[in-house]
């Protein structure tokens, strides 16, 4: 009898786990595709940059994956900003750029393009003109795509 009760309990727990895991996260918006995030560059180039592995940033050993905020649900649809990079800041776990009056946080999965070619965050420099698509996550502007013009 004890074995039957334990087996029933195990099956019920597994069933509830499967059901709970299949439910969509409340408040999360669908992830926008390259067509929605592209500004001046062709969507195919943006998609290529979005799906390509980025350089590591994070821990002192260089194996981290940024702040982890990119995994959080978005607080709305993507927004855009364009202007000149006024300031760039970098720590072990985060990289930020100030575009006009908007602070953007760059994650390892942020697509960076310079003259519509895949680039690295380190290719961005103060004074460059950029257009960026970003999402607000936990009150922070997380860049999804940054398109820059060579200076």
C-alpha atoms as a PDB file:
ATOM      1  CA  UNK A   1       0.000   0.000   0.000  1.00  0.00           C
ATOM      2  CA  UNK A   2       2.851   2.411   0.872  1.00  0.00           C
ATOM      3  CA  UNK A   3       4.498   1.688  -2.478  1.00  0.00           C
ATOM      4  CA  UNK A   4       1.247   2.423  -4.327  1.00  0.00           C
ATOM      5  CA  UNK A   5       0.818   5.745  -2.470  1.00  0.00           C
ATOM      6  CA  UNK A   6       4.433   6.755  -3.156  1.00  0.00           C
ATOM      7  CA  UNK A   7       4.058   5.878  -6.845  1.00  0.00           C
ATOM      8  CA  UNK A   8       0.800   7.863  -7.105  1.00  0.00           C
ATOM      9  CA  UNK A   9       2.406  10.864  -5.426  1.00  0.00           C
ATOM     10  CA  UNK A  10       5.420  10.692  -7.752  1.00  0.00           C
ATOM     11  CA  UNK A  11       3.213  10.531 -10.871  1.00  0.00           C
ATOM     12  CA  UNK A  12       1.134  13.497  -9.658  1.00  0.00           C
ATOM     13  CA  UNK A  13       4.225  15.602  -8.942  1.00  0.00           C
ATOM     14  CA  UNK A  14       5.691  14.812 -12.371  1.00  0.00           C
ATOM     15  CA  UNK A  15       2.395  15.647 -14.089  1.00  0.00           C
ATOM     16  CA  UNK A  16       2.102  19.004 -12.308  1.00  0.00           C
ATOM     17  CA  UNK A  17       5.731  19.796 -13.101  1.00  0.00           C
ATOM     18  CA  UNK A  18       5.144  19.109 -16.788  1.00  0.00           C
ATOM     19  CA  UNK A  19       1.970  21.236 -16.822  1.00  0.00           C
ATOM     20  CA  UNK A  20       3.600  24.138 -14.973  1.00  0.00           C
ATOM     21  CA  UNK A  21       6.644  24.038 -17.245  1.00  0.00           C
ATOM     22  CA  UNK A  22       4.469  24.275 -20.362  1.00  0.00           C
ATOM     23  CA  UNK A  23       2.643  27.433 -19.254  1.00  0.00           C
ATOM     24  CA  UNK A  24       3.733  30.745 -20.818  1.00  0.00           C
ATOM     25  CA  UNK A  25       5.391  33.218 -18.492  1.00  0.00           C
ATOM     26  CA  UNK A  26       2.962  35.958 -17.526  1.00  0.00           C
ATOM     27  CA  UNK A  27       3.935  39.422 -18.690  1.00  0.00           C
ATOM     28  CA  UNK A  28       6.489  38.269 -21.218  1.00  0.00           C
ATOM     29  CA  UNK A  29       6.155  39.653 -24.708  1.00  0.00           C
ATOM     30  CA  UNK A  30       7.027  37.593 -27.758  1.00  0.00           C
ATOM     31  CA  UNK A  31      10.622  38.035 -28.834  1.00  0.00           C
ATOM     32  CA  UNK A  32      10.761  40.407 -31.803  1.00  0.00           C
ATOM     33  CA  UNK A  33      12.489  39.154 -34.943  1.00  0.00           C
ATOM     34  CA  UNK A  34      15.164  40.765 -37.057  1.00  0.00           C
ATOM     35  CA  UNK A  35      12.536  42.389 -39.289  1.00  0.00           C
ATOM     36  CA  UNK A  36      11.197  44.356 -36.321  1.00  0.00           C
ATOM     37  CA  UNK A  37      14.611  45.210 -34.900  1.00  0.00           C
ATOM     38  CA  UNK A  38      16.401  46.235 -38.120  1.00  0.00           C
ATOM     39  CA  UNK A  39      16.627  49.953 -38.786  1.00  0.00           C
ATOM     40  CA  UNK A  40      18.923  50.819 -41.717  1.00  0.00           C
ATOM     41  CA  UNK A  41      20.670  47.456 -42.143  1.00  0.00           C
ATOM     42  CA  UNK A  42      19.015  44.573 -44.024  1.00  0.00           C
ATOM     43  CA  UNK A  43      17.105  42.208 -41.707  1.00  0.00           C
ATOM     44  CA  UNK A  44      19.294  39.306 -42.898  1.00  0.00           C
ATOM     45  CA  UNK A  45      22.427  41.087 -41.592  1.00  0.00           C
ATOM     46  CA  UNK A  46      20.696  41.836 -38.284  1.00  0.00           C
ATOM     47  CA  UNK A  47      19.582  38.197 -37.965  1.00  0.00           C
ATOM     48  CA  UNK A  48      23.135  37.036 -38.663  1.00  0.00           C
ATOM     49  CA  UNK A  49      24.471  39.314 -35.918  1.00  0.00           C
ATOM     50  CA  UNK A  50      21.722  38.279 -33.484  1.00  0.00           C
ATOM     51  CA  UNK A  51      22.393  34.576 -33.907  1.00  0.00           C
ATOM     52  CA  UNK A  52      26.196  34.761 -33.931  1.00  0.00           C
ATOM     53  CA  UNK A  53      27.979  34.079 -30.640  1.00  0.00           C
ATOM     54  CA  UNK A  54      29.246  37.243 -29.005  1.00  0.00           C
ATOM     55  CA  UNK A  55      32.510  37.859 -27.215  1.00  0.00           C
ATOM     56  CA  UNK A  56      32.501  36.968 -23.539  1.00  0.00           C
ATOM     57  CA  UNK A  57      32.072  39.466 -20.796  1.00  0.00           C
ATOM     58  CA  UNK A  58      31.365  38.854 -17.195  1.00  0.00           C
ATOM     59  CA  UNK A  59      33.617  37.281 -14.641  1.00  0.00           C
ATOM     60  CA  UNK A  60      37.311  38.121 -14.202  1.00  0.00           C
ATOM     61  CA  UNK A  61      38.172  34.905 -16.040  1.00  0.00           C
ATOM     62  CA  UNK A  62      36.169  36.156 -19.026  1.00  0.00           C
ATOM     63  CA  UNK A  63      33.682  33.307 -18.993  1.00  0.00           C
ATOM     64  CA  UNK A  64      30.609  35.186 -17.818  1.00  0.00           C
ATOM     65  CA  UNK A  65      27.495  35.997 -19.771  1.00  0.00           C
ATOM     66  CA  UNK A  66      26.817  39.580 -18.763  1.00  0.00           C
ATOM     67  CA  UNK A  67      24.386  40.684 -16.093  1.00  0.00           C
ATOM     68  CA  UNK A  68      21.753  38.082 -16.974  1.00  0.00           C
ATOM     69  CA  UNK A  69      19.070  40.728 -17.403  1.00  0.00           C
ATOM     70  CA  UNK A  70      18.585  39.713 -21.044  1.00  0.00           C
ATOM     71  CA  UNK A  71      16.771  36.594 -19.810  1.00  0.00           C
ATOM     72  CA  UNK A  72      14.159  38.680 -17.961  1.00  0.00           C
ATOM     73  CA  UNK A  73      10.806  39.378 -19.636  1.00  0.00           C
ATOM     74  CA  UNK A  74      10.424  42.616 -21.550  1.00  0.00           C
ATOM     75  CA  UNK A  75       8.207  45.346 -20.112  1.00  0.00           C
ATOM     76  CA  UNK A  76       6.795  46.231 -23.528  1.00  0.00           C
ATOM     77  CA  UNK A  77       7.533  46.385 -27.215  1.00  0.00           C
ATOM     78  CA  UNK A  78      10.994  47.372 -28.495  1.00  0.00           C
ATOM     79  CA  UNK A  79      11.811  51.064 -28.470  1.00  0.00           C
ATOM     80  CA  UNK A  80      14.313  52.983 -30.583  1.00  0.00           C
ATOM     81  CA  UNK A  81      16.833  55.700 -30.024  1.00  0.00           C
ATOM     82  CA  UNK A  82      19.261  57.382 -32.360  1.00  0.00           C
ATOM     83  CA  UNK A  83      22.033  59.863 -31.843  1.00  0.00           C
ATOM     84  CA  UNK A  84      25.676  60.197 -30.985  1.00  0.00           C
ATOM     85  CA  UNK A  85      27.416  58.034 -28.396  1.00  0.00           C
ATOM     86  CA  UNK A  86      28.212  60.471 -25.591  1.00  0.00           C
ATOM     87  CA  UNK A  87      29.798  58.024 -23.168  1.00  0.00           C
ATOM     88  CA  UNK A  88      30.828  54.376 -22.918  1.00  0.00           C
ATOM     89  CA  UNK A  89      31.271  52.623 -19.597  1.00  0.00           C
ATOM     90  CA  UNK A  90      32.432  49.118 -18.924  1.00  0.00           C
ATOM     91  CA  UNK A  91      32.714  46.896 -15.868  1.00  0.00           C
ATOM     92  CA  UNK A  92      33.428  43.202 -15.495  1.00  0.00           C
ATOM     93  CA  UNK A  93      29.762  42.303 -15.945  1.00  0.00           C
ATOM     94  CA  UNK A  94      28.193  45.213 -17.811  1.00  0.00           C
ATOM     95  CA  UNK A  95      28.751  47.542 -20.709  1.00  0.00           C
ATOM     96  CA  UNK A  96      26.747  50.702 -21.105  1.00  0.00           C
ATOM     97  CA  UNK A  97      26.541  53.365 -23.759  1.00  0.00           C
ATOM     98  CA  UNK A  98      24.887  56.732 -23.450  1.00  0.00           C
ATOM     99  CA  UNK A  99      23.095  57.697 -26.663  1.00  0.00           C
ATOM    100  CA  UNK A 100      21.753  61.216 -26.322  1.00  0.00           C
ATOM    101  CA  UNK A 101      20.008  61.127 -22.941  1.00  0.00           C
ATOM    102  CA  UNK A 102      19.266  57.378 -23.079  1.00  0.00           C
ATOM    103  CA  UNK A 103      21.470  54.907 -21.195  1.00  0.00           C
ATOM    104  CA  UNK A 104      21.608  51.532 -22.968  1.00  0.00           C
ATOM    105  CA  UNK A 105      22.989  48.346 -21.451  1.00  0.00           C
ATOM    106  CA  UNK A 106      24.749  46.002 -23.858  1.00  0.00           C
ATOM    107  CA  UNK A 107      24.522  42.257 -23.231  1.00  0.00           C
ATOM    108  CA  UNK A 108      26.487  39.465 -24.946  1.00  0.00           C
ATOM    109  CA  UNK A 109      23.441  38.710 -27.116  1.00  0.00           C
ATOM    110  CA  UNK A 110      23.126  42.314 -28.335  1.00  0.00           C
ATOM    111  CA  UNK A 111      23.642  42.504 -32.101  1.00  0.00           C
ATOM    112  CA  UNK A 112      26.238  45.176 -32.903  1.00  0.00           C
ATOM    113  CA  UNK A 113      26.667  46.221 -36.531  1.00  0.00           C
ATOM    114  CA  UNK A 114      29.046  48.838 -37.917  1.00  0.00           C
ATOM    115  CA  UNK A 115      28.264  49.819 -41.517  1.00  0.00           C
ATOM    116  CA  UNK A 116      25.825  46.850 -41.531  1.00  0.00           C
ATOM    117  CA  UNK A 117      28.571  44.315 -40.772  1.00  0.00           C
ATOM    118  CA  UNK A 118      28.730  42.269 -37.554  1.00  0.00           C
ATOM    119  CA  UNK A 119      30.972  44.001 -35.040  1.00  0.00           C
ATOM    120  CA  UNK A 120      31.925  43.868 -31.379  1.00  0.00           C
ATOM    121  CA  UNK A 121      30.951  46.228 -28.595  1.00  0.00           C
ATOM    122  CA  UNK A 122      34.605  47.312 -28.511  1.00  0.00           C
ATOM    123  CA  UNK A 123      34.154  48.632 -32.080  1.00  0.00           C
ATOM    124  CA  UNK A 124      31.797  51.317 -30.743  1.00  0.00           C
ATOM    125  CA  UNK A 125      33.460  54.634 -29.899  1.00  0.00           C
ATOM    126  CA  UNK A 126      32.423  57.894 -28.354  1.00  0.00           C
ATOM    127  CA  UNK A 127      31.166  60.293 -31.044  1.00  0.00           C
ATOM    128  CA  UNK A 128      29.828  57.563 -33.382  1.00  0.00           C
ATOM    129  CA  UNK A 129      26.284  57.995 -34.677  1.00  0.00           C
ATOM    130  CA  UNK A 130      24.096  55.021 -33.803  1.00  0.00           C
ATOM    131  CA  UNK A 131      20.550  53.775 -34.052  1.00  0.00           C
ATOM    132  CA  UNK A 132      19.491  51.243 -31.458  1.00  0.00           C
ATOM    133  CA  UNK A 133      16.501  49.043 -30.716  1.00  0.00           C
ATOM    134  CA  UNK A 134      16.109  48.240 -27.028  1.00  0.00           C
ATOM    135  CA  UNK A 135      13.721  46.694 -24.554  1.00  0.00           C
ATOM    136  CA  UNK A 136      12.993  47.823 -21.023  1.00  0.00           C
ATOM    137  CA  UNK A 137      13.703  44.993 -18.568  1.00  0.00           C
ATOM    138  CA  UNK A 138      13.581  45.520 -14.811  1.00  0.00           C
ATOM    139  CA  UNK A 139      13.607  49.260 -15.474  1.00  0.00           C
ATOM    140  CA  UNK A 140      16.798  49.117 -17.571  1.00  0.00           C
ATOM    141  CA  UNK A 141      17.168  49.782 -21.298  1.00  0.00           C
ATOM    142  CA  UNK A 142      18.678  46.566 -22.673  1.00  0.00           C
ATOM    143  CA  UNK A 143      19.973  46.972 -26.229  1.00  0.00           C
ATOM    144  CA  UNK A 144      18.904  44.274 -28.699  1.00  0.00           C
ATOM    145  CA  UNK A 145      20.432  45.817 -31.855  1.00  0.00           C
ATOM    146  CA  UNK A 146      22.917  48.653 -32.283  1.00  0.00           C
ATOM    147  CA  UNK A 147      23.610  49.907 -35.806  1.00  0.00           C
ATOM    148  CA  UNK A 148      26.535  52.317 -36.021  1.00  0.00           C
ATOM    149  CA  UNK A 149      28.114  54.366 -38.793  1.00  0.00           C
ATOM    150  CA  UNK A 150      31.867  54.375 -39.184  1.00  0.00           C
ATOM    151  CA  UNK A 151      33.286  57.633 -37.950  1.00  0.00           C
END
